[in-house]
PDB file of N, CA and C in Angstrom:
ATOM      1  N   UNK A   1      80.272  90.212-207.216  1.00  0.00           N
ATOM      2  CA  UNK A   1      80.648  90.872-205.655  1.00  0.00           C
ATOM      3  C   UNK A   1      79.245  89.817-204.500  1.00  0.00           C
ATOM      4  N   UNK A   2      80.590  89.431-203.180  1.00  0.00           N
ATOM      5  CA  UNK A   2      78.944  88.829-202.980  1.00  0.00           C
ATOM      6  C   UNK A   2      78.420  88.447-201.854  1.00  0.00           C
ATOM      7  N   UNK A   3      76.926  88.185-202.379  1.00  0.00           N
ATOM      8  CA  UNK A   3      76.386  88.536-200.801  1.00  0.00           C
ATOM      9  C   UNK A   3      76.023  87.833-199.468  1.00  0.00           C
ATOM     10  N   UNK A   4      75.857  88.549-198.639  1.00  0.00           N
ATOM     11  CA  UNK A   4      75.397  87.116-198.014  1.00  0.00           C
ATOM     12  C   UNK A   4      74.092  87.521-197.362  1.00  0.00           C
ATOM     13  N   UNK A   5      73.134  86.678-197.620  1.00  0.00           N
ATOM     14  CA  UNK A   5      71.769  86.738-196.827  1.00  0.00           C
ATOM     15  C   UNK A   5      71.045  85.833-196.389  1.00  0.00           C
ATOM     16  N   UNK A   6      71.213  86.342-194.415  1.00  0.00           N
ATOM     17  CA  UNK A   6      71.748  84.993-193.485  1.00  0.00           C
ATOM     18  C   UNK A   6      70.355  85.056-193.116  1.00  0.00           C
ATOM     19  N   UNK A   7      69.092  85.900-193.632  1.00  0.00           N
ATOM     20  CA  UNK A   7      67.520  85.702-194.013  1.00  0.00           C
ATOM     21  C   UNK A   7      66.791  84.659-194.152  1.00  0.00           C
ATOM     22  N   UNK A   8      68.108  84.161-195.442  1.00  0.00           N
ATOM     23  CA  UNK A   8      68.040  83.576-196.845  1.00  0.00           C
ATOM     24  C   UNK A   8      68.412  81.913-196.646  1.00  0.00           C
ATOM     25  N   UNK A   9      69.816  82.712-195.042  1.00  0.00           N
ATOM     26  CA  UNK A   9      71.018  80.869-194.385  1.00  0.00           C
ATOM     27  C   UNK A   9      71.754  81.195-196.666  1.00  0.00           C
ATOM     28  N   UNK A  10      71.973  82.121-196.831  1.00  0.00           N
ATOM     29  CA  UNK A  10      72.525  82.089-198.397  1.00  0.00           C
ATOM     30  C   UNK A  10      73.566  83.066-198.186  1.00  0.00           C
ATOM     31  N   UNK A  11      74.835  82.388-199.829  1.00  0.00           N
ATOM     32  CA  UNK A  11      75.322  83.714-199.839  1.00  0.00           C
ATOM     33  C   UNK A  11      75.503  84.151-201.231  1.00  0.00           C
ATOM     34  N   UNK A  12      74.722  84.706-202.679  1.00  0.00           N
ATOM     35  CA  UNK A  12      75.306  84.702-203.600  1.00  0.00           C
ATOM     36  C   UNK A  12      76.174  85.908-204.419  1.00  0.00           C
ATOM     37  N   UNK A  13      76.218  85.054-205.680  1.00  0.00           N
ATOM     38  CA  UNK A  13      77.016  86.082-206.503  1.00  0.00           C
ATOM     39  C   UNK A  13      76.086  86.677-207.404  1.00  0.00           C
ATOM     40  N   UNK A  14      75.755  87.401-207.779  1.00  0.00           N
ATOM     41  CA  UNK A  14      74.959  88.043-209.654  1.00  0.00           C
ATOM     42  C   UNK A  14      76.746  88.372-210.643  1.00  0.00           C
ATOM     43  N   UNK A  15      76.133  87.065-212.050  1.00  0.00           N
ATOM     44  CA  UNK A  15      76.492  87.800-212.400  1.00  0.00           C
ATOM     45  C   UNK A  15      76.325  87.894-213.888  1.00  0.00           C
ATOM     46  N   UNK A  16      76.758  88.420-214.649  1.00  0.00           N
ATOM     47  CA  UNK A  16      75.513  88.551-215.629  1.00  0.00           C
ATOM     48  C   UNK A  16      73.758  88.434-215.996  1.00  0.00           C
ATOM     49  N   UNK A  17      73.293  89.353-214.247  1.00  0.00           N
ATOM     50  CA  UNK A  17      72.176  89.083-214.382  1.00  0.00           C
ATOM     51  C   UNK A  17      71.658  87.366-213.664  1.00  0.00           C
ATOM     52  N   UNK A  18      72.383  86.931-213.369  1.00  0.00           N
ATOM     53  CA  UNK A  18      72.448  85.311-212.876  1.00  0.00           C
ATOM     54  C   UNK A  18      72.326  84.872-211.440  1.00  0.00           C
ATOM     55  N   UNK A  19      72.453  84.283-210.954  1.00  0.00           N
ATOM     56  CA  UNK A  19      72.685  84.634-209.575  1.00  0.00           C
ATOM     57  C   UNK A  19      73.334  82.692-208.905  1.00  0.00           C
ATOM     58  N   UNK A  20      74.188  82.546-208.617  1.00  0.00           N
ATOM     59  CA  UNK A  20      75.484  81.389-208.205  1.00  0.00           C
ATOM     60  C   UNK A  20      75.145  81.430-207.103  1.00  0.00           C
ATOM     61  N   UNK A  21      74.431  79.934-205.755  1.00  0.00           N
ATOM     62  CA  UNK A  21      74.267  80.486-204.931  1.00  0.00           C
ATOM     63  C   UNK A  21      75.224  79.025-203.937  1.00  0.00           C
ATOM     64  N   UNK A  22      75.011  79.669-202.302  1.00  0.00           N
ATOM     65  CA  UNK A  22      75.156  78.565-201.335  1.00  0.00           C
ATOM     66  C   UNK A  22      74.464  79.074-200.902  1.00  0.00           C
ATOM     67  N   UNK A  23      74.151  77.546-200.429  1.00  0.00           N
ATOM     68  CA  UNK A  23      72.856  77.015-199.782  1.00  0.00           C
ATOM     69  C   UNK A  23      73.282  76.926-198.243  1.00  0.00           C
ATOM     70  N   UNK A  24      73.330  77.074-197.351  1.00  0.00           N
ATOM     71  CA  UNK A  24      72.831  76.844-195.731  1.00  0.00           C
ATOM     72  C   UNK A  24      72.370  76.517-194.140  1.00  0.00           C
ATOM     73  N   UNK A  25      72.913  75.502-193.815  1.00  0.00           N
ATOM     74  CA  UNK A  25      71.641  75.382-192.189  1.00  0.00           C
ATOM     75  C   UNK A  25      72.261  75.549-190.963  1.00  0.00           C
ATOM     76  N   UNK A  26      71.890  76.830-190.300  1.00  0.00           N
ATOM     77  CA  UNK A  26      72.482  77.077-189.141  1.00  0.00           C
ATOM     78  C   UNK A  26      71.610  76.603-188.102  1.00  0.00           C
ATOM     79  N   UNK A  27      71.644  75.230-186.959  1.00  0.00           N
ATOM     80  CA  UNK A  27      71.454  74.682-186.464  1.00  0.00           C
ATOM     81  C   UNK A  27      72.021  75.041-184.668  1.00  0.00           C
ATOM     82  N   UNK A  28      72.298  75.433-183.940  1.00  0.00           N
ATOM     83  CA  UNK A  28      72.979  76.068-182.478  1.00  0.00           C
ATOM     84  C   UNK A  28      74.153  76.030-183.027  1.00  0.00           C
ATOM     85  N   UNK A  29      75.627  76.305-182.552  1.00  0.00           N
ATOM     86  CA  UNK A  29      76.465  76.929-183.615  1.00  0.00           C
ATOM     87  C   UNK A  29      76.936  75.608-184.104  1.00  0.00           C
ATOM     88  N   UNK A  30      76.340  74.930-185.243  1.00  0.00           N
ATOM     89  CA  UNK A  30      77.154  73.942-186.374  1.00  0.00           C
ATOM     90  C   UNK A  30      76.179  74.651-186.807  1.00  0.00           C
ATOM     91  N   UNK A  31      77.078  74.991-188.910  1.00  0.00           N
ATOM     92  CA  UNK A  31      76.795  75.023-189.689  1.00  0.00           C
ATOM     93  C   UNK A  31      76.895  74.276-191.221  1.00  0.00           C
ATOM     94  N   UNK A  32      75.578  73.960-191.992  1.00  0.00           N
ATOM     95  CA  UNK A  32      75.641  72.345-192.830  1.00  0.00           C
ATOM     96  C   UNK A  32      76.083  73.106-193.990  1.00  0.00           C
ATOM     97  N   UNK A  33      76.746  73.790-195.230  1.00  0.00           N
ATOM     98  CA  UNK A  33      76.467  73.402-196.071  1.00  0.00           C
ATOM     99  C   UNK A  33      75.944  72.695-196.758  1.00  0.00           C
ATOM    100  N   UNK A  34      74.835  72.476-197.855  1.00  0.00           N
ATOM    101  CA  UNK A  34      73.459  71.460-198.173  1.00  0.00           C
ATOM    102  C   UNK A  34      73.834  71.931-199.639  1.00  0.00           C
ATOM    103  N   UNK A  35      74.283  73.018-200.404  1.00  0.00           N
ATOM    104  CA  UNK A  35      73.842  72.902-202.083  1.00  0.00           C
ATOM    105  C   UNK A  35      74.996  74.397-202.316  1.00  0.00           C
ATOM    106  N   UNK A  36      75.232  73.975-203.370  1.00  0.00           N
ATOM    107  CA  UNK A  36      75.981  74.732-203.945  1.00  0.00           C
ATOM    108  C   UNK A  36      74.866  74.453-205.914  1.00  0.00           C
ATOM    109  N   UNK A  37      75.318  75.527-206.510  1.00  0.00           N
ATOM    110  CA  UNK A  37      73.990  75.572-207.759  1.00  0.00           C
ATOM    111  C   UNK A  37      75.314  77.303-208.600  1.00  0.00           C
ATOM    112  N   UNK A  38      75.160  76.572-210.520  1.00  0.00           N
ATOM    113  CA  UNK A  38      75.733  78.045-210.565  1.00  0.00           C
ATOM    114  C   UNK A  38      75.477  77.711-212.493  1.00  0.00           C
ATOM    115  N   UNK A  39      74.768  78.327-211.791  1.00  0.00           N
ATOM    116  CA  UNK A  39      74.322  77.885-213.603  1.00  0.00           C
ATOM    117  C   UNK A  39      74.709  77.616-214.753  1.00  0.00           C
ATOM    118  N   UNK A  40      74.840  75.898-216.249  1.00  0.00           N
ATOM    119  CA  UNK A  40      75.558  76.400-217.017  1.00  0.00           C
ATOM    120  C   UNK A  40      76.772  76.628-217.054  1.00  0.00           C
ATOM    121  N   UNK A  41      75.939  78.224-217.464  1.00  0.00           N
ATOM    122  CA  UNK A  41      76.608  79.279-218.896  1.00  0.00           C
ATOM    123  C   UNK A  41      77.451  79.431-217.638  1.00  0.00           C
ATOM    124  N   UNK A  42      77.813  80.573-217.212  1.00  0.00           N
ATOM    125  CA  UNK A  42      78.660  80.156-215.839  1.00  0.00           C
ATOM    126  C   UNK A  42      79.569  79.884-215.039  1.00  0.00           C
ATOM    127  N   UNK A  43      79.725  78.330-216.312  1.00  0.00           N
ATOM    128  CA  UNK A  43      80.746  77.543-214.904  1.00  0.00           C
ATOM    129  C   UNK A  43      82.348  77.455-215.197  1.00  0.00           C
ATOM    130  N   UNK A  44      82.750  76.795-214.723  1.00  0.00           N
ATOM    131  CA  UNK A  44      83.736  77.205-214.841  1.00  0.00           C
ATOM    132  C   UNK A  44      85.049  78.269-215.250  1.00  0.00           C
ATOM    133  N   UNK A  45      84.504  79.244-214.441  1.00  0.00           N
ATOM    134  CA  UNK A  45      85.354  80.424-213.840  1.00  0.00           C
ATOM    135  C   UNK A  45      84.598  80.771-212.447  1.00  0.00           C
ATOM    136  N   UNK A  46      85.392  79.433-211.668  1.00  0.00           N
ATOM    137  CA  UNK A  46      85.319  79.695-210.629  1.00  0.00           C
ATOM    138  C   UNK A  46      84.904  80.129-209.124  1.00  0.00           C
ATOM    139  N   UNK A  47      83.097  80.753-210.249  1.00  0.00           N
ATOM    140  CA  UNK A  47      82.370  80.894-209.036  1.00  0.00           C
ATOM    141  C   UNK A  47      82.069  80.595-207.510  1.00  0.00           C
ATOM    142  N   UNK A  48      81.352  79.575-207.849  1.00  0.00           N
ATOM    143  CA  UNK A  48      81.595  78.453-206.502  1.00  0.00           C
ATOM    144  C   UNK A  48      82.572  78.288-205.438  1.00  0.00           C
ATOM    145  N   UNK A  49      83.511  78.479-206.212  1.00  0.00           N
ATOM    146  CA  UNK A  49      84.740  78.023-205.619  1.00  0.00           C
ATOM    147  C   UNK A  49      84.524  79.530-204.164  1.00  0.00           C
ATOM    148  N   UNK A  50      84.953  81.214-205.740  1.00  0.00           N
ATOM    149  CA  UNK A  50      84.181  82.067-203.950  1.00  0.00           C
ATOM    150  C   UNK A  50      83.528  81.583-203.446  1.00  0.00           C
ATOM    151  N   UNK A  51      82.512  80.978-203.512  1.00  0.00           N
ATOM    152  CA  UNK A  51      80.785  81.573-202.523  1.00  0.00           C
ATOM    153  C   UNK A  51      82.189  80.532-201.168  1.00  0.00           C
ATOM    154  N   UNK A  52      82.210  79.317-201.502  1.00  0.00           N
ATOM    155  CA  UNK A  52      82.381  78.203-200.807  1.00  0.00           C
ATOM    156  C   UNK A  52      84.018  79.011-199.788  1.00  0.00           C
ATOM    157  N   UNK A  53      84.988  79.659-199.962  1.00  0.00           N
ATOM    158  CA  UNK A  53      86.064  80.519-199.588  1.00  0.00           C
ATOM    159  C   UNK A  53      85.159  81.162-198.679  1.00  0.00           C
ATOM    160  N   UNK A  54      83.992  82.083-199.256  1.00  0.00           N
ATOM    161  CA  UNK A  54      83.587  83.279-198.295  1.00  0.00           C
ATOM    162  C   UNK A  54      82.846  82.412-197.450  1.00  0.00           C
ATOM    163  N   UNK A  55      82.222  81.779-197.734  1.00  0.00           N
ATOM    164  CA  UNK A  55      80.689  80.452-196.550  1.00  0.00           C
ATOM    165  C   UNK A  55      81.492  80.175-195.844  1.00  0.00           C
ATOM    166  N   UNK A  56      83.051  79.513-196.028  1.00  0.00           N
ATOM    167  CA  UNK A  56      83.661  78.582-194.981  1.00  0.00           C
ATOM    168  C   UNK A  56      84.205  80.481-194.088  1.00  0.00           C
ATOM    169  N   UNK A  57      84.575  80.713-194.730  1.00  0.00           N
ATOM    170  CA  UNK A  57      85.788  82.342-194.234  1.00  0.00           C
ATOM    171  C   UNK A  57      84.831  82.938-192.887  1.00  0.00           C
ATOM    172  N   UNK A  58      82.946  82.639-192.854  1.00  0.00           N
ATOM    173  CA  UNK A  58      82.391  83.504-192.411  1.00  0.00           C
ATOM    174  C   UNK A  58      81.904  82.660-191.347  1.00  0.00           C
ATOM    175  N   UNK A  59      82.047  81.541-191.206  1.00  0.00           N
ATOM    176  CA  UNK A  59      81.426  80.239-190.456  1.00  0.00           C
ATOM    177  C   UNK A  59      82.946  80.232-189.083  1.00  0.00           C
ATOM    178  N   UNK A  60      84.193  79.901-190.409  1.00  0.00           N
ATOM    179  CA  UNK A  60      85.344  80.580-188.937  1.00  0.00           C
ATOM    180  C   UNK A  60      85.485  81.370-187.845  1.00  0.00           C
ATOM    181  N   UNK A  61      84.307  82.652-188.720  1.00  0.00           N
ATOM    182  CA  UNK A  61      84.794  83.731-188.192  1.00  0.00           C
ATOM    183  C   UNK A  61      83.690  83.677-187.477  1.00  0.00           C
ATOM    184  N   UNK A  62      82.415  82.609-186.697  1.00  0.00           N
ATOM    185  CA  UNK A  62      80.770  82.685-186.380  1.00  0.00           C
ATOM    186  C   UNK A  62      81.697  81.927-185.648  1.00  0.00           C
ATOM    187  N   UNK A  63      82.544  81.035-185.870  1.00  0.00           N
ATOM    188  CA  UNK A  63      83.026  79.907-184.586  1.00  0.00           C
ATOM    189  C   UNK A  63      81.707  79.588-184.346  1.00  0.00           C
ATOM    190  N   UNK A  64      81.828  78.434-185.482  1.00  0.00           N
ATOM    191  CA  UNK A  64      80.355  77.265-185.959  1.00  0.00           C
ATOM    192  C   UNK A  64      81.167  76.088-186.640  1.00  0.00           C
ATOM    193  N   UNK A  65      80.758  75.213-185.825  1.00  0.00           N
ATOM    194  CA  UNK A  65      81.803  73.406-186.265  1.00  0.00           C
ATOM    195  C   UNK A  65      80.325  73.975-187.690  1.00  0.00           C
ATOM    196  N   UNK A  66      81.871  73.341-188.457  1.00  0.00           N
ATOM    197  CA  UNK A  66      81.050  73.120-190.335  1.00  0.00           C
ATOM    198  C   UNK A  66      81.437  71.796-190.756  1.00  0.00           C
ATOM    199  N   UNK A  67      80.063  71.303-191.469  1.00  0.00           N
ATOM    200  CA  UNK A  67      79.213  70.520-191.879  1.00  0.00           C
ATOM    201  C   UNK A  67      79.656  70.717-193.740  1.00  0.00           C
ATOM    202  N   UNK A  68      79.524  69.830-194.011  1.00  0.00           N
ATOM    203  CA  UNK A  68      78.658  69.940-195.637  1.00  0.00           C
ATOM    204  C   UNK A  68      78.342  68.583-196.708  1.00  0.00           C
ATOM    205  N   UNK A  69      77.101  68.633-196.893  1.00  0.00           N
ATOM    206  CA  UNK A  69      76.078  67.573-196.312  1.00  0.00           C
ATOM    207  C   UNK A  69      76.022  67.819-198.612  1.00  0.00           C
ATOM    208  N   UNK A  70      76.433  68.717-199.245  1.00  0.00           N
ATOM    209  CA  UNK A  70      76.765  69.550-200.441  1.00  0.00           C
ATOM    210  C   UNK A  70      78.519  69.305-201.023  1.00  0.00           C
ATOM    211  N   UNK A  71      78.412  68.428-201.627  1.00  0.00           N
ATOM    212  CA  UNK A  71      79.852  67.190-202.228  1.00  0.00           C
ATOM    213  C   UNK A  71      80.756  68.017-202.757  1.00  0.00           C
ATOM    214  N   UNK A  72      80.163  69.662-203.440  1.00  0.00           N
ATOM    215  CA  UNK A  72      81.892  70.525-203.930  1.00  0.00           C
ATOM    216  C   UNK A  72      82.247  71.045-203.195  1.00  0.00           C
ATOM    217  N   UNK A  73      81.136  71.682-201.562  1.00  0.00           N
ATOM    218  CA  UNK A  73      81.454  72.360-200.273  1.00  0.00           C
ATOM    219  C   UNK A  73      82.963  71.433-199.378  1.00  0.00           C
ATOM    220  N   UNK A  74      82.159  69.741-199.246  1.00  0.00           N
ATOM    221  CA  UNK A  74      83.427  68.780-198.995  1.00  0.00           C
ATOM    222  C   UNK A  74      84.549  69.112-199.289  1.00  0.00           C
ATOM    223  N   UNK A  75      84.824  69.339-200.299  1.00  0.00           N
ATOM    224  CA  UNK A  75      86.857  69.826-201.625  1.00  0.00           C
ATOM    225  C   UNK A  75      86.880  69.978-200.617  1.00  0.00           C
ATOM    226  N   UNK A  76      87.107  70.981-200.188  1.00  0.00           N
ATOM    227  CA  UNK A  76      87.649  72.571-198.942  1.00  0.00           C
ATOM    228  C   UNK A  76      87.337  71.807-198.039  1.00  0.00           C
ATOM    229  N   UNK A  77      87.434  70.914-196.503  1.00  0.00           N
ATOM    230  CA  UNK A  77      87.138  70.602-196.021  1.00  0.00           C
ATOM    231  C   UNK A  77      88.569  69.471-195.571  1.00  0.00           C
TER     232      UNK A  77
END
């Protein structure tokens, strides 16, 4: 289950006691997704994609202009 932590400006997904993270920064009506991280042993399971999809869904619901300085998130724009 993905948890949104707006106070830390991130989405997290916990699996096997490890955190997968999507970080962002909001300025006005603009959001920049800055960083995606999945621990090495959890890679290849589509977890980063789930985080990005959730983050983009949230940003669109908030009617924010979306940018991505993170190369991985840019693939979805």
